[in-house]
Structures are given as C-alpha cells and as structure tokens.
Amino acid sequence: MGDRTLALANLKKALDINIKNRTALLLFVAWQSSSNEQLSVIERLAQYLDICPDDEELTLLFIEKAQQVGFLQTARLASQKLVFCDPKNSNYNQIYKEIYYDPKKPTN
C-alpha cells in the first residue's frame, strides 16, 4: 500500500509542476480507483484539457470518467465539443447521441 501511495504522490507532484505531463496524467488516471479519487481525476483532466483542448484521447477519457461519477452535463458538453470539432466522425456522433438521448439517463 505504501508504494501505491508514494507513486500517486509523485504523480500528483509531477502534475503540479507540469499539468501538460500527459504520461503522468495517464498513469494518475489509471491508478485511481475509488469514487473519491475519480473526482480528482476529473479535475486533473479538466485542467489538462483547458491547456490542451485538442487532445481527443484525453477528452474521451474525461467524458467516460465524468459519466462514471454522474457528471452528465459535463460529459455532454465535452462530447458536444468533439462533434463540433469533427462533425463527420461517426464515433463522436455516437457518443454524443448516447449521452444526450439515452432515456435511462437523467437530463440534468
């Protein structure tokens, strides 16, 4: 358990120094598991995407994590951004439709 704690602390420090450290961010996301940690993941991803908005892979990861914790409006806005940036991408359009039109999901 101590190694995991130390590794996460080092990843957080690396991200504090340079939020654009994509490798550290991907490792940080992969190592977080509890719902409390997922909020930290979403926050770090949002900070990264504010600086690197064209990173499609991490935008998709952000959408996934936001959905997992119930931040549906956040996921909707991020999926909408993907569609606006690349309207012909069928994968993005499918994600957008699933988030916006799934009758099982609340609208707010």
C-alpha atoms as a PDB file:
ATOM      1  CA  MET A   1       0.000   0.000   0.000  1.00  0.00           C
ATOM      2  CA  GLY A   2       2.870   2.383   0.735  1.00  0.00           C
ATOM      3  CA  ASP A   3       4.291   2.035  -2.766  1.00  0.00           C
ATOM      4  CA  ARG A   4       0.952   2.978  -4.312  1.00  0.00           C
ATOM      5  CA  THR A   5       0.620   5.975  -2.029  1.00  0.00           C
ATOM      6  CA  LEU A   6       4.129   7.140  -2.856  1.00  0.00           C
ATOM      7  CA  ALA A   7       3.581   6.608  -6.577  1.00  0.00           C
ATOM      8  CA  LEU A   8       0.352   8.629  -6.508  1.00  0.00           C
ATOM      9  CA  ALA A   9       2.048  11.384  -4.535  1.00  0.00           C
ATOM     10  CA  ASN A  10       4.836  11.505  -7.121  1.00  0.00           C
ATOM     11  CA  LEU A  11       2.325  11.625  -9.973  1.00  0.00           C
ATOM     12  CA  LYS A  12       0.419  14.452  -8.276  1.00  0.00           C
ATOM     13  CA  LYS A  13       3.672  16.341  -7.767  1.00  0.00           C
ATOM     14  CA  ALA A  14       4.617  15.835 -11.415  1.00  0.00           C
ATOM     15  CA  LEU A  15       1.212  17.183 -12.469  1.00  0.00           C
ATOM     16  CA  ASP A  16       1.501  20.116 -10.065  1.00  0.00           C
ATOM     17  CA  ILE A  17       4.796  21.002 -11.708  1.00  0.00           C
ATOM     18  CA  ASN A  18       3.532  20.464 -15.256  1.00  0.00           C
ATOM     19  CA  ILE A  19      -0.147  19.756 -15.895  1.00  0.00           C
ATOM     20  CA  LYS A  20       0.756  19.103 -19.547  1.00  0.00           C
ATOM     21  CA  ASN A  21       2.687  15.976 -18.494  1.00  0.00           C
ATOM     22  CA  ARG A  22       0.456  13.612 -20.448  1.00  0.00           C
ATOM     23  CA  THR A  23       2.235  10.444 -19.324  1.00  0.00           C
ATOM     24  CA  ALA A  24       1.907  11.337 -15.641  1.00  0.00           C
ATOM     25  CA  LEU A  25      -1.765  12.188 -16.190  1.00  0.00           C
ATOM     26  CA  LEU A  26      -2.495   8.874 -17.894  1.00  0.00           C
ATOM     27  CA  LEU A  27      -0.763   6.986 -15.079  1.00  0.00           C
ATOM     28  CA  PHE A  28      -2.627   9.057 -12.482  1.00  0.00           C
ATOM     29  CA  VAL A  29      -5.960   8.221 -14.150  1.00  0.00           C
ATOM     30  CA  ALA A  30      -5.076   4.524 -14.387  1.00  0.00           C
ATOM     31  CA  TRP A  31      -4.108   4.279 -10.730  1.00  0.00           C
ATOM     32  CA  GLN A  32      -7.193   5.948  -9.282  1.00  0.00           C
ATOM     33  CA  SER A  33      -9.981   3.561  -8.343  1.00  0.00           C
ATOM     34  CA  SER A  34     -12.348   4.868  -5.648  1.00  0.00           C
ATOM     35  CA  SER A  35     -15.127   7.361  -6.369  1.00  0.00           C
ATOM     36  CA  ASN A  36     -13.387   9.989  -4.212  1.00  0.00           C
ATOM     37  CA  GLU A  37     -10.267   9.606  -6.323  1.00  0.00           C
ATOM     38  CA  GLN A  38     -12.339   9.875  -9.512  1.00  0.00           C
ATOM     39  CA  LEU A  39     -13.231  13.468  -8.633  1.00  0.00           C
ATOM     40  CA  SER A  40      -9.522  14.245  -8.521  1.00  0.00           C
ATOM     41  CA  VAL A  41      -9.104  12.523 -11.892  1.00  0.00           C
ATOM     42  CA  ILE A  42     -11.842  14.652 -13.451  1.00  0.00           C
ATOM     43  CA  GLU A  43     -10.310  17.797 -12.015  1.00  0.00           C
ATOM     44  CA  ARG A  44      -6.839  16.947 -13.358  1.00  0.00           C
ATOM     45  CA  LEU A  45      -8.232  16.011 -16.762  1.00  0.00           C
ATOM     46  CA  ALA A  46     -10.183  19.277 -16.912  1.00  0.00           C
ATOM     47  CA  GLN A  47      -7.043  21.255 -16.047  1.00  0.00           C
ATOM     48  CA  TYR A  48      -5.108  19.455 -18.768  1.00  0.00           C
ATOM     49  CA  LEU A  49      -7.870  19.945 -21.355  1.00  0.00           C
ATOM     50  CA  ASP A  50      -8.032  23.663 -20.567  1.00  0.00           C
ATOM     51  CA  ILE A  51      -4.423  23.862 -21.756  1.00  0.00           C
ATOM     52  CA  CYS A  52      -4.513  21.105 -24.416  1.00  0.00           C
ATOM     53  CA  PRO A  53      -8.101  21.179 -25.721  1.00  0.00           C
ATOM     54  CA  ASP A  54      -7.294  19.265 -28.908  1.00  0.00           C
ATOM     55  CA  ASP A  55      -6.281  16.035 -27.163  1.00  0.00           C
ATOM     56  CA  GLU A  56      -9.071  13.780 -28.363  1.00  0.00           C
ATOM     57  CA  GLU A  57      -7.967  10.701 -26.438  1.00  0.00           C
ATOM     58  CA  LEU A  58      -7.994  12.503 -23.101  1.00  0.00           C
ATOM     59  CA  THR A  59     -11.253  14.255 -23.963  1.00  0.00           C
ATOM     60  CA  LEU A  60     -12.825  10.828 -24.463  1.00  0.00           C
ATOM     61  CA  LEU A  61     -11.344   9.673 -21.170  1.00  0.00           C
ATOM     62  CA  PHE A  62     -12.704  12.823 -19.493  1.00  0.00           C
ATOM     63  CA  ILE A  63     -16.181  12.075 -20.872  1.00  0.00           C
ATOM     64  CA  GLU A  64     -16.003   8.488 -19.624  1.00  0.00           C
ATOM     65  CA  LYS A  65     -14.900   9.496 -16.132  1.00  0.00           C
ATOM     66  CA  ALA A  66     -17.480  12.281 -15.909  1.00  0.00           C
ATOM     67  CA  GLN A  67     -20.232   9.809 -16.807  1.00  0.00           C
ATOM     68  CA  GLN A  68     -18.981   7.297 -14.242  1.00  0.00           C
ATOM     69  CA  VAL A  69     -19.449   9.767 -11.380  1.00  0.00           C
ATOM     70  CA  GLY A  70     -22.722  11.164 -12.711  1.00  0.00           C
ATOM     71  CA  PHE A  71     -21.444  14.465 -14.099  1.00  0.00           C
ATOM     72  CA  LEU A  72     -23.655  14.066 -17.140  1.00  0.00           C
ATOM     73  CA  GLN A  73     -23.836  17.738 -18.071  1.00  0.00           C
ATOM     74  CA  THR A  74     -20.046  17.906 -18.048  1.00  0.00           C
ATOM     75  CA  ALA A  75     -19.876  14.784 -20.236  1.00  0.00           C
ATOM     76  CA  ARG A  76     -22.499  16.213 -22.594  1.00  0.00           C
ATOM     77  CA  LEU A  77     -20.608  19.457 -23.071  1.00  0.00           C
ATOM     78  CA  ALA A  78     -17.334  17.658 -23.730  1.00  0.00           C
ATOM     79  CA  SER A  79     -18.984  15.309 -26.236  1.00  0.00           C
ATOM     80  CA  GLN A  80     -20.622  18.263 -27.947  1.00  0.00           C
ATOM     81  CA  LYS A  81     -17.209  19.894 -28.312  1.00  0.00           C
ATOM     82  CA  LEU A  82     -15.864  16.769 -30.018  1.00  0.00           C
ATOM     83  CA  VAL A  83     -18.734  16.744 -32.502  1.00  0.00           C
ATOM     84  CA  PHE A  84     -18.304  20.436 -33.264  1.00  0.00           C
ATOM     85  CA  CYS A  85     -14.575  19.922 -33.879  1.00  0.00           C
ATOM     86  CA  ASP A  86     -15.085  16.886 -36.123  1.00  0.00           C
ATOM     87  CA  PRO A  87     -18.747  16.591 -37.200  1.00  0.00           C
ATOM     88  CA  LYS A  88     -18.036  13.759 -39.650  1.00  0.00           C
ATOM     89  CA  ASN A  89     -16.523  11.477 -37.002  1.00  0.00           C
ATOM     90  CA  SER A  90     -19.146   8.763 -36.508  1.00  0.00           C
ATOM     91  CA  ASN A  91     -17.647   7.675 -33.164  1.00  0.00           C
ATOM     92  CA  TYR A  92     -18.033  11.179 -31.738  1.00  0.00           C
ATOM     93  CA  ASN A  93     -21.556  11.446 -33.070  1.00  0.00           C
ATOM     94  CA  GLN A  94     -22.445   8.114 -31.459  1.00  0.00           C
ATOM     95  CA  ILE A  95     -21.031   9.195 -28.091  1.00  0.00           C
ATOM     96  CA  TYR A  96     -22.936  12.468 -28.333  1.00  0.00           C
ATOM     97  CA  LYS A  97     -26.210  10.682 -29.118  1.00  0.00           C
ATOM     98  CA  GLU A  98     -25.746   8.144 -26.322  1.00  0.00           C
ATOM     99  CA  ILE A  99     -25.158  10.861 -23.743  1.00  0.00           C
ATOM    100  CA  TYR A 100     -27.909  13.190 -24.937  1.00  0.00           C
ATOM    101  CA  TYR A 101     -30.649  10.787 -25.934  1.00  0.00           C
ATOM    102  CA  ASP A 102     -30.384   7.735 -23.717  1.00  0.00           C
ATOM    103  CA  PRO A 103     -33.791   7.605 -21.985  1.00  0.00           C
ATOM    104  CA  LYS A 104     -32.251   5.846 -18.957  1.00  0.00           C
ATOM    105  CA  LYS A 105     -30.015   8.809 -18.179  1.00  0.00           C
ATOM    106  CA  PRO A 106     -31.312  11.944 -16.446  1.00  0.00           C
ATOM    107  CA  THR A 107     -31.269  15.143 -18.465  1.00  0.00           C
ATOM    108  CA  ASN A 108     -29.518  17.308 -15.857  1.00  0.00           C
END
